[in-house]
N, C-alpha and C. Protein backbone atom coordinates (compact mmCIF):
# COMPACT_ATOMS: atom_id res chain seq x y z
N VAL A 1 97.05 102.89 100.33
CA VAL A 1 97.70 102.86 101.63
C VAL A 1 97.69 104.27 102.21
N GLN A 2 97.27 104.38 103.44
CA GLN A 2 97.26 105.68 104.11
C GLN A 2 98.25 105.66 105.27
N LEU A 3 98.91 106.80 105.45
CA LEU A 3 99.84 106.97 106.55
C LEU A 3 99.34 108.08 107.46
N GLN A 4 99.29 107.80 108.74
CA GLN A 4 98.85 108.78 109.71
C GLN A 4 99.97 109.01 110.71
N ALA A 5 100.56 110.19 110.64
CA ALA A 5 101.65 110.54 111.56
C ALA A 5 101.12 111.38 112.71
N SER A 6 101.75 111.23 113.85
CA SER A 6 101.36 112.01 115.02
C SER A 6 102.57 112.17 115.94
N GLY A 7 102.42 113.06 116.91
CA GLY A 7 103.46 113.22 117.91
C GLY A 7 104.25 114.50 117.81
N GLY A 8 104.03 115.27 116.75
CA GLY A 8 104.75 116.52 116.63
C GLY A 8 104.26 117.55 117.63
N GLY A 9 104.97 118.66 117.70
CA GLY A 9 104.57 119.72 118.61
C GLY A 9 105.69 120.69 118.84
N LEU A 10 105.48 121.53 119.85
CA LEU A 10 106.46 122.56 120.23
C LEU A 10 107.23 122.08 121.46
N VAL A 11 108.55 122.15 121.37
CA VAL A 11 109.38 121.71 122.48
C VAL A 11 110.58 122.62 122.59
N GLN A 12 111.10 122.77 123.78
CA GLN A 12 112.30 123.58 123.97
C GLN A 12 113.54 122.79 123.57
N ALA A 13 114.57 123.52 123.20
CA ALA A 13 115.84 122.88 122.86
C ALA A 13 116.29 121.99 124.02
N GLY A 14 116.77 120.80 123.66
CA GLY A 14 117.18 119.83 124.67
C GLY A 14 116.08 118.85 125.04
N GLY A 15 114.87 119.14 124.61
CA GLY A 15 113.74 118.28 124.94
C GLY A 15 113.62 117.09 124.01
N SER A 16 112.54 116.33 124.21
CA SER A 16 112.32 115.11 123.45
C SER A 16 110.89 115.07 122.91
N LEU A 17 110.76 114.36 121.82
CA LEU A 17 109.46 114.05 121.23
C LEU A 17 109.53 112.66 120.63
N ARG A 18 108.37 112.01 120.56
CA ARG A 18 108.29 110.71 119.90
C ARG A 18 107.23 110.77 118.83
N LEU A 19 107.63 110.57 117.60
CA LEU A 19 106.71 110.55 116.48
C LEU A 19 106.26 109.12 116.20
N SER A 20 105.02 108.99 115.78
CA SER A 20 104.48 107.69 115.38
C SER A 20 103.84 107.82 114.01
N CYS A 21 103.85 106.74 113.27
CA CYS A 21 103.20 106.73 111.96
C CYS A 21 102.62 105.34 111.72
N VAL A 22 101.32 105.31 111.47
CA VAL A 22 100.62 104.05 111.24
C VAL A 22 100.24 103.94 109.78
N ALA A 23 100.55 102.82 109.19
CA ALA A 23 100.16 102.54 107.81
C ALA A 23 98.91 101.67 107.82
N SER A 24 97.92 102.06 107.01
CA SER A 24 96.69 101.28 106.96
C SER A 24 96.28 101.04 105.51
N GLY A 25 95.52 99.99 105.31
CA GLY A 25 95.08 99.64 103.97
C GLY A 25 95.30 98.16 103.73
N SER A 26 95.07 97.75 102.50
CA SER A 26 95.25 96.35 102.14
C SER A 26 96.72 96.10 101.82
N ILE A 27 97.47 95.90 102.85
CA ILE A 27 98.92 95.77 102.73
C ILE A 27 99.33 94.32 102.92
N LEU A 28 100.07 93.80 101.99
CA LEU A 28 100.60 92.45 102.13
C LEU A 28 101.84 92.46 103.02
N SER A 29 102.74 93.38 102.73
CA SER A 29 103.97 93.45 103.51
C SER A 29 104.56 94.85 103.40
N ILE A 30 105.33 95.23 104.41
CA ILE A 30 106.04 96.50 104.40
C ILE A 30 107.53 96.22 104.52
N ASN A 31 108.28 96.68 103.56
CA ASN A 31 109.72 96.43 103.57
C ASN A 31 110.48 97.51 104.33
N VAL A 32 110.27 98.73 103.95
CA VAL A 32 111.04 99.83 104.52
C VAL A 32 110.07 100.89 105.04
N MET A 33 110.37 101.38 106.23
CA MET A 33 109.63 102.50 106.81
C MET A 33 110.65 103.57 107.15
N GLY A 34 110.30 104.81 106.93
CA GLY A 34 111.27 105.86 107.18
C GLY A 34 110.64 107.19 107.50
N TRP A 35 111.50 108.10 107.88
CA TRP A 35 111.10 109.47 108.19
C TRP A 35 111.96 110.43 107.38
N TYR A 36 111.29 111.40 106.77
CA TYR A 36 111.93 112.50 106.09
C TYR A 36 111.51 113.77 106.82
N ARG A 37 112.26 114.83 106.60
CA ARG A 37 111.84 116.12 107.14
C ARG A 37 112.14 117.21 106.13
N GLN A 38 111.32 118.24 106.19
CA GLN A 38 111.52 119.40 105.33
C GLN A 38 111.37 120.65 106.14
N ALA A 39 112.46 121.38 106.25
CA ALA A 39 112.45 122.65 106.95
C ALA A 39 112.07 123.76 105.96
N PRO A 40 111.55 124.87 106.45
CA PRO A 40 111.17 125.97 105.55
C PRO A 40 112.33 126.42 104.67
N GLY A 41 112.08 126.46 103.38
CA GLY A 41 113.09 126.93 102.45
C GLY A 41 114.19 125.92 102.14
N LYS A 42 114.04 124.70 102.64
CA LYS A 42 115.08 123.69 102.41
C LYS A 42 114.49 122.48 101.72
N GLN A 43 115.37 121.68 101.14
CA GLN A 43 114.93 120.46 100.49
C GLN A 43 114.62 119.39 101.53
N SER A 44 113.83 118.43 101.11
CA SER A 44 113.51 117.32 101.98
C SER A 44 114.77 116.50 102.28
N GLU A 45 114.85 116.02 103.50
CA GLU A 45 116.03 115.29 103.96
C GLU A 45 115.60 113.96 104.57
N LEU A 46 116.26 112.88 104.19
CA LEU A 46 116.00 111.59 104.82
C LEU A 46 116.62 111.60 106.21
N VAL A 47 115.81 111.36 107.22
CA VAL A 47 116.27 111.37 108.60
C VAL A 47 116.66 109.98 109.07
N ALA A 48 115.78 109.02 108.83
CA ALA A 48 116.02 107.66 109.32
C ALA A 48 115.15 106.68 108.54
N ARG A 49 115.63 105.44 108.46
CA ARG A 49 114.84 104.41 107.82
C ARG A 49 115.14 103.09 108.51
N ILE A 50 114.17 102.17 108.41
CA ILE A 50 114.33 100.86 109.04
C ILE A 50 113.70 99.81 108.15
N THR A 51 114.38 98.69 107.99
CA THR A 51 113.88 97.62 107.15
C THR A 51 113.01 96.67 107.98
N SER A 52 112.37 95.76 107.28
CA SER A 52 111.53 94.79 107.97
C SER A 52 112.35 93.89 108.90
N GLY A 53 113.63 93.74 108.59
CA GLY A 53 114.50 92.93 109.43
C GLY A 53 115.10 93.69 110.59
N GLY A 54 114.85 95.00 110.64
CA GLY A 54 115.34 95.79 111.77
C GLY A 54 116.61 96.56 111.51
N SER A 55 117.16 96.48 110.31
CA SER A 55 118.34 97.27 110.01
C SER A 55 117.96 98.74 109.91
N THR A 56 118.77 99.58 110.52
CA THR A 56 118.45 101.00 110.58
C THR A 56 119.52 101.86 109.93
N MET A 57 119.10 103.03 109.51
CA MET A 57 120.00 104.04 109.00
C MET A 57 119.56 105.37 109.56
N LEU A 58 120.51 106.14 110.07
CA LEU A 58 120.22 107.47 110.57
C LEU A 58 121.13 108.47 109.87
N SER A 59 120.60 109.63 109.56
CA SER A 59 121.44 110.65 108.94
C SER A 59 122.47 111.14 109.96
N ASP A 60 123.57 111.64 109.45
CA ASP A 60 124.64 112.10 110.34
C ASP A 60 124.15 113.21 111.27
N SER A 61 123.20 114.01 110.81
CA SER A 61 122.74 115.14 111.60
C SER A 61 121.94 114.73 112.84
N VAL A 62 121.49 113.49 112.89
CA VAL A 62 120.68 113.06 114.03
C VAL A 62 121.27 111.87 114.78
N LYS A 63 122.37 111.34 114.29
CA LYS A 63 123.00 110.19 114.96
C LYS A 63 123.34 110.53 116.41
N GLY A 64 123.03 109.61 117.29
CA GLY A 64 123.29 109.83 118.70
C GLY A 64 122.18 110.54 119.43
N ARG A 65 121.23 111.08 118.67
CA ARG A 65 120.12 111.81 119.30
C ARG A 65 118.76 111.18 118.97
N PHE A 66 118.61 110.67 117.77
CA PHE A 66 117.34 110.08 117.33
C PHE A 66 117.48 108.57 117.23
N ALA A 67 116.35 107.89 117.35
CA ALA A 67 116.31 106.44 117.14
C ALA A 67 115.01 106.08 116.42
N ILE A 68 115.12 105.16 115.49
CA ILE A 68 113.94 104.71 114.75
C ILE A 68 113.65 103.26 115.14
N SER A 69 112.37 102.94 115.25
CA SER A 69 111.96 101.58 115.55
C SER A 69 110.63 101.32 114.87
N ARG A 70 110.21 100.08 114.85
CA ARG A 70 108.93 99.75 114.21
C ARG A 70 108.27 98.59 114.92
N ASP A 71 106.96 98.55 114.79
CA ASP A 71 106.15 97.44 115.27
C ASP A 71 105.50 96.82 114.05
N ASN A 72 106.04 95.71 113.59
CA ASN A 72 105.55 95.11 112.35
C ASN A 72 104.10 94.65 112.48
N ALA A 73 103.71 94.19 113.64
CA ALA A 73 102.34 93.71 113.83
C ALA A 73 101.33 94.85 113.70
N ARG A 74 101.76 96.04 114.01
CA ARG A 74 100.86 97.21 113.96
C ARG A 74 101.15 98.12 112.77
N ASN A 75 102.06 97.71 111.89
CA ASN A 75 102.43 98.55 110.73
C ASN A 75 102.75 99.97 111.16
N THR A 76 103.50 100.08 112.23
CA THR A 76 103.79 101.38 112.82
C THR A 76 105.29 101.59 112.92
N VAL A 77 105.70 102.81 112.63
CA VAL A 77 107.09 103.21 112.77
C VAL A 77 107.16 104.38 113.74
N TYR A 78 108.22 104.39 114.53
CA TYR A 78 108.41 105.43 115.54
C TYR A 78 109.73 106.16 115.30
N LEU A 79 109.76 107.40 115.72
CA LEU A 79 111.00 108.16 115.71
C LEU A 79 111.13 108.83 117.07
N GLN A 80 112.05 108.33 117.88
CA GLN A 80 112.33 108.93 119.16
C GLN A 80 113.38 110.00 118.98
N MET A 81 113.03 111.23 119.33
CA MET A 81 113.92 112.36 119.11
C MET A 81 114.31 112.95 120.46
N ASN A 82 115.57 112.87 120.77
CA ASN A 82 116.10 113.41 122.02
C ASN A 82 117.08 114.54 121.74
N SER A 83 117.38 115.31 122.76
CA SER A 83 118.34 116.42 122.63
C SER A 83 118.03 117.26 121.40
N LEU A 84 116.77 117.63 121.26
CA LEU A 84 116.35 118.38 120.08
C LEU A 84 117.01 119.74 120.02
N LYS A 85 117.28 120.16 118.78
CA LYS A 85 117.92 121.44 118.51
C LYS A 85 116.98 122.28 117.65
N PRO A 86 117.14 123.60 117.68
CA PRO A 86 116.30 124.45 116.81
C PRO A 86 116.38 124.04 115.34
N GLU A 87 117.53 123.58 114.91
CA GLU A 87 117.68 123.17 113.50
C GLU A 87 116.94 121.88 113.16
N ASP A 88 116.36 121.22 114.16
CA ASP A 88 115.51 120.05 113.90
C ASP A 88 114.08 120.48 113.53
N THR A 89 113.79 121.76 113.64
CA THR A 89 112.46 122.25 113.29
C THR A 89 112.15 121.96 111.83
N ALA A 90 111.04 121.28 111.60
CA ALA A 90 110.66 120.87 110.25
C ALA A 90 109.32 120.16 110.30
N VAL A 91 108.77 119.93 109.12
CA VAL A 91 107.65 119.01 109.00
C VAL A 91 108.24 117.63 108.76
N TYR A 92 107.85 116.69 109.58
CA TYR A 92 108.36 115.33 109.49
C TYR A 92 107.32 114.44 108.80
N HIS A 93 107.75 113.79 107.74
CA HIS A 93 106.88 112.90 106.97
C HIS A 93 107.36 111.47 107.14
N CYS A 94 106.41 110.56 107.26
CA CYS A 94 106.80 109.17 107.21
C CYS A 94 106.60 108.65 105.79
N ALA A 95 107.37 107.65 105.44
CA ALA A 95 107.31 107.06 104.10
C ALA A 95 107.44 105.56 104.24
N VAL A 96 106.72 104.86 103.40
CA VAL A 96 106.66 103.41 103.50
C VAL A 96 106.77 102.78 102.12
N GLU A 97 107.49 101.68 102.02
CA GLU A 97 107.59 100.90 100.78
C GLU A 97 107.24 99.46 101.10
N GLY A 98 106.44 98.86 100.24
CA GLY A 98 106.08 97.47 100.48
C GLY A 98 105.36 96.87 99.31
N ALA A 99 104.47 95.94 99.60
CA ALA A 99 103.73 95.26 98.55
C ALA A 99 102.26 95.15 98.94
N LEU A 100 101.40 95.38 97.96
CA LEU A 100 99.96 95.20 98.17
C LEU A 100 99.57 93.75 97.88
N MET A 101 100.25 93.21 96.90
CA MET A 101 100.06 91.81 96.50
C MET A 101 101.40 91.34 95.96
N PRO A 102 101.60 90.05 95.82
CA PRO A 102 102.86 89.59 95.21
C PRO A 102 103.06 90.24 93.85
N GLY A 103 104.21 90.87 93.68
CA GLY A 103 104.51 91.51 92.41
C GLY A 103 103.86 92.86 92.23
N ASN A 104 103.24 93.38 93.26
CA ASN A 104 102.56 94.68 93.19
C ASN A 104 103.08 95.59 94.30
N PRO A 105 104.21 96.24 94.04
CA PRO A 105 104.80 97.08 95.09
C PRO A 105 104.07 98.42 95.24
N PHE A 106 104.29 99.05 96.35
CA PHE A 106 103.75 100.38 96.56
C PHE A 106 104.75 101.20 97.35
N SER A 107 104.59 102.50 97.26
CA SER A 107 105.29 103.43 98.14
C SER A 107 104.30 104.52 98.50
N SER A 108 104.38 104.97 99.72
CA SER A 108 103.42 105.96 100.19
C SER A 108 104.12 106.98 101.06
N TRP A 109 103.61 108.18 101.03
CA TRP A 109 104.19 109.34 101.72
C TRP A 109 103.11 110.00 102.55
N GLY A 110 103.36 110.18 103.83
CA GLY A 110 102.38 110.77 104.71
C GLY A 110 102.36 112.28 104.66
N GLN A 111 101.29 112.87 105.21
CA GLN A 111 101.13 114.32 105.18
C GLN A 111 102.10 115.04 106.09
N GLY A 112 102.52 114.41 107.12
CA GLY A 112 103.53 115.00 107.97
C GLY A 112 103.00 115.57 109.27
N THR A 113 103.92 115.73 110.20
CA THR A 113 103.62 116.34 111.49
C THR A 113 104.71 117.37 111.79
N LEU A 114 104.29 118.53 112.29
CA LEU A 114 105.21 119.64 112.49
C LEU A 114 105.92 119.53 113.83
N VAL A 115 107.22 119.64 113.77
CA VAL A 115 108.05 119.69 114.98
C VAL A 115 108.72 121.06 115.03
N THR A 116 108.49 121.76 116.13
CA THR A 116 109.09 123.08 116.32
C THR A 116 109.92 123.06 117.59
N VAL A 117 111.19 123.40 117.45
CA VAL A 117 112.09 123.41 118.59
C VAL A 117 112.50 124.85 118.86
N SER A 118 112.15 125.36 120.02
CA SER A 118 112.49 126.73 120.38
C SER A 118 113.82 126.79 121.12
N SER A 119 114.51 127.90 120.92
CA SER A 119 115.83 128.05 121.57
C SER A 119 115.71 128.68 122.94
């Protein structure tokens, strides 16, 4: 399974970006799709996740500013980021859990896309 993330870039504080991540390969089903981020010198942090049924979780640091959604038909997950702050600067990785075949689960981690928020 391959994950291709896009949408990162340089934005001023208060601005918005929308990240996308497409999962490709011989996938039977995808259960959970999510976004992690890693800032320089810091540990990776779970930002948001969404289940196949649409249940979402957002970290406290992004609640009210970010939203996660997915298109199951396209195996794509999105992260809408509004009111960006300099502390949101990080490499954002998408992560996916699902099944390749019945009884054959997988998890995959994308290379990431860089988000830089200037003050």
